[in-house]
Amino acid sequence: MSRRRPIAHTQRGARELAIRPLALVVFGCLTFAAAATAQQVTYPIYTQDDFVKTMKSVGQNFGAINAALTANDLEEAKGRVVRSREQLATTVTFWRDHKKEDAIKMWRASIAKMDELDTVLSAEKPDKEAASALVKQVGATCAACHAQYREQDPATKAYRLKPGSVQ
């Protein structure tokens, strides 16, 4: 004859079995939280070198828009607008880190004009003249920021941020 275990023993065993996985989950979470806190993830800083590199790329892409419009290659022009906007969008981090509200305002104006240009080029029948006019307007928003924050190095003729314009 088989021996049956008392009910109390069986219930206690079931409770212990139910608690063990829960204890493992809690222990795992606490271990993970402690490791995450110890590592303190830091975000990469958008340096002045990053900013200059990005702006050079924006300039190259944006400069190619007029050539594409002249060649009546509206798809290429649109692609260049999209890429220029993508790249320009990342530079807001630099201005925010340096607390330059005027630059952020100019940045917003440039982004808004690029969005308008994208809309014109995305139309079923894009208006090439309206697109050309918007390219000039975007260029004017860029020039306003450049006048405030950029200068040409007399020796190398390369453009750079004006010394002392950002800390």
Protein backbone atom coordinates (compact mmCIF):
# COMPACT_ATOMS: atom_id res chain seq x y z
CA MET A 1 0.00 0.00 0.00
CA SER A 2 1.30 3.39 -0.88
CA ARG A 3 1.80 6.00 1.71
CA ARG A 4 -0.05 9.21 1.14
CA ARG A 5 1.45 12.41 2.30
CA PRO A 6 -0.58 14.59 4.58
CA ILE A 7 -2.42 17.41 2.83
CA ALA A 8 -0.62 20.09 4.83
CA HIS A 9 2.76 18.81 3.58
CA THR A 10 1.57 18.79 -0.04
CA GLN A 11 0.18 22.33 0.16
CA ARG A 12 3.35 23.63 1.78
CA GLY A 13 5.44 22.03 -0.96
CA ALA A 14 3.28 23.66 -3.64
CA ARG A 15 3.67 27.04 -1.99
CA GLU A 16 7.44 26.61 -1.82
CA LEU A 17 7.54 25.66 -5.48
CA ALA A 18 5.48 28.73 -6.38
CA ILE A 19 7.68 31.06 -4.34
CA ARG A 20 11.01 29.85 -5.76
CA PRO A 21 10.47 31.13 -9.34
CA LEU A 22 9.20 34.42 -7.95
CA ALA A 23 12.30 34.72 -5.77
CA LEU A 24 14.49 34.04 -8.80
CA VAL A 25 12.72 36.73 -10.83
CA VAL A 26 13.02 39.28 -8.01
CA PHE A 27 16.69 38.40 -7.47
CA GLY A 28 17.36 38.70 -11.22
CA CYS A 29 15.67 42.11 -11.43
CA LEU A 30 17.57 43.43 -8.43
CA THR A 31 20.85 42.18 -9.87
CA PHE A 32 20.09 43.79 -13.24
CA ALA A 33 19.06 47.08 -11.61
CA ALA A 34 22.25 47.14 -9.52
CA ALA A 35 24.40 46.49 -12.60
CA ALA A 36 22.62 49.19 -14.60
CA THR A 37 23.01 51.70 -11.80
CA ALA A 38 26.69 50.87 -11.42
CA GLN A 39 27.35 51.44 -15.13
CA GLN A 40 25.47 54.77 -15.45
CA VAL A 41 24.99 54.92 -19.19
CA THR A 42 26.25 58.19 -20.61
CA TYR A 43 25.12 59.63 -23.89
CA PRO A 44 27.67 60.63 -26.47
CA ILE A 45 28.37 64.33 -26.53
CA TYR A 46 27.87 66.12 -29.83
CA THR A 47 31.23 67.87 -30.09
CA GLN A 48 32.24 70.88 -32.11
CA ASP A 49 34.12 68.55 -34.47
CA ASP A 50 30.94 66.49 -34.94
CA PHE A 51 29.02 69.68 -35.63
CA VAL A 52 31.53 70.96 -38.21
CA LYS A 53 31.67 67.58 -39.95
CA THR A 54 27.86 67.39 -40.12
CA MET A 55 27.53 70.95 -41.41
CA LYS A 56 30.03 70.25 -44.21
CA SER A 57 27.95 67.26 -45.26
CA VAL A 58 24.74 69.31 -45.07
CA GLY A 59 26.38 71.93 -47.29
CA GLN A 60 27.40 69.34 -49.87
CA ASN A 61 23.97 67.75 -49.99
CA PHE A 62 22.12 71.04 -50.01
CA GLY A 63 24.42 72.45 -52.70
CA ALA A 64 23.53 69.52 -54.96
CA ILE A 65 19.83 70.44 -54.91
CA ASN A 66 20.23 73.30 -57.39
CA ALA A 67 22.21 71.10 -59.77
CA ALA A 68 19.47 68.47 -59.61
CA LEU A 69 16.75 71.07 -60.23
CA THR A 70 18.70 72.47 -63.19
CA ALA A 71 19.02 68.95 -64.61
CA ASN A 72 15.26 68.49 -64.03
CA ASP A 73 16.04 65.52 -61.78
CA LEU A 74 13.37 66.17 -59.19
CA GLU A 75 13.80 62.78 -57.49
CA GLU A 76 17.49 63.54 -56.92
CA ALA A 77 16.62 67.01 -55.63
CA LYS A 78 14.08 65.53 -53.21
CA GLY A 79 16.59 62.95 -52.00
CA ARG A 80 19.12 65.69 -51.33
CA VAL A 81 16.55 67.73 -49.41
CA VAL A 82 15.63 64.76 -47.27
CA ARG A 83 19.28 63.95 -46.53
CA SER A 84 20.14 67.60 -45.80
CA ARG A 85 17.22 67.88 -43.41
CA GLU A 86 18.14 64.62 -41.66
CA GLN A 87 21.66 65.84 -41.10
CA LEU A 88 20.69 69.36 -40.09
CA ALA A 89 18.17 67.97 -37.60
CA THR A 90 20.95 66.35 -35.55
CA THR A 91 22.76 69.66 -35.04
CA VAL A 92 20.10 70.97 -32.65
CA THR A 93 21.88 68.97 -29.94
CA PHE A 94 24.97 71.14 -30.37
CA TRP A 95 22.99 74.36 -30.03
CA ARG A 96 21.03 73.08 -27.03
CA ASP A 97 24.20 71.93 -25.28
CA HIS A 98 25.62 75.44 -25.74
CA LYS A 99 22.33 77.15 -24.78
CA LYS A 100 22.16 79.19 -28.00
CA GLU A 101 18.46 80.05 -28.30
CA ASP A 102 19.04 82.36 -31.27
CA ALA A 103 20.77 79.55 -33.18
CA ILE A 104 17.92 77.18 -32.31
CA LYS A 105 15.44 79.72 -33.68
CA MET A 106 17.42 79.95 -36.95
CA TRP A 107 17.71 76.16 -37.01
CA ARG A 108 13.92 75.85 -36.70
CA ALA A 109 13.42 78.30 -39.57
CA SER A 110 15.77 76.25 -41.77
CA ILE A 111 14.05 72.99 -40.90
CA ALA A 112 10.61 74.51 -41.59
CA LYS A 113 11.72 75.79 -45.02
CA MET A 114 13.26 72.41 -45.84
CA ASP A 115 9.95 70.78 -44.92
CA GLU A 116 8.15 73.17 -47.29
CA LEU A 117 10.65 72.34 -50.02
CA ASP A 118 10.12 68.63 -49.42
CA THR A 119 6.35 69.14 -49.70
CA VAL A 120 6.71 70.98 -53.02
CA LEU A 121 9.00 68.30 -54.42
CA SER A 122 6.66 65.55 -53.19
CA ALA A 123 3.66 66.88 -55.10
CA GLU A 124 2.25 64.81 -57.95
CA LYS A 125 3.49 67.50 -60.33
CA PRO A 126 6.29 69.34 -58.50
CA ASP A 127 6.57 73.07 -59.17
CA LYS A 128 10.21 73.51 -60.09
CA GLU A 129 10.07 77.31 -59.76
CA ALA A 130 8.50 77.16 -56.34
CA ALA A 131 11.18 74.64 -55.36
CA SER A 132 13.94 76.97 -56.61
CA ALA A 133 12.45 79.85 -54.64
CA LEU A 134 12.34 77.70 -51.50
CA VAL A 135 15.97 76.64 -52.02
CA LYS A 136 16.86 80.35 -51.89
CA GLN A 137 14.78 80.82 -48.74
CA VAL A 138 16.47 77.87 -47.04
CA GLY A 139 19.81 79.31 -48.11
CA ALA A 140 18.87 82.64 -46.50
CA THR A 141 18.04 80.95 -43.19
CA CYS A 142 21.39 79.16 -43.30
CA ALA A 143 23.21 82.39 -44.17
CA ALA A 144 21.69 84.16 -41.16
CA CYS A 145 23.15 81.54 -38.81
CA HIS A 146 26.45 81.51 -40.66
CA ALA A 147 26.76 85.29 -40.34
CA GLN A 148 26.33 84.97 -36.59
CA TYR A 149 28.42 81.88 -35.88
CA ARG A 150 30.77 81.14 -38.76
CA GLU A 151 33.90 82.71 -40.21
CA GLN A 152 36.46 81.86 -42.82
CA ASP A 153 39.96 81.00 -41.68
CA PRO A 154 42.25 83.46 -43.51
CA ALA A 155 45.05 80.93 -43.84
CA THR A 156 43.17 77.82 -44.97
CA LYS A 157 40.04 79.50 -46.38
CA ALA A 158 38.03 76.81 -44.58
CA TYR A 159 34.97 77.82 -42.60
CA ARG A 160 34.86 77.36 -38.84
CA LEU A 161 32.87 78.49 -35.85
CA LYS A 162 33.80 81.96 -34.71
CA PRO A 163 36.12 81.70 -31.72
CA GLY A 164 34.24 82.44 -28.52
CA SER A 165 30.80 82.09 -30.13
CA VAL A 166 30.17 78.89 -28.18
CA GLN A 167 31.62 77.82 -24.83
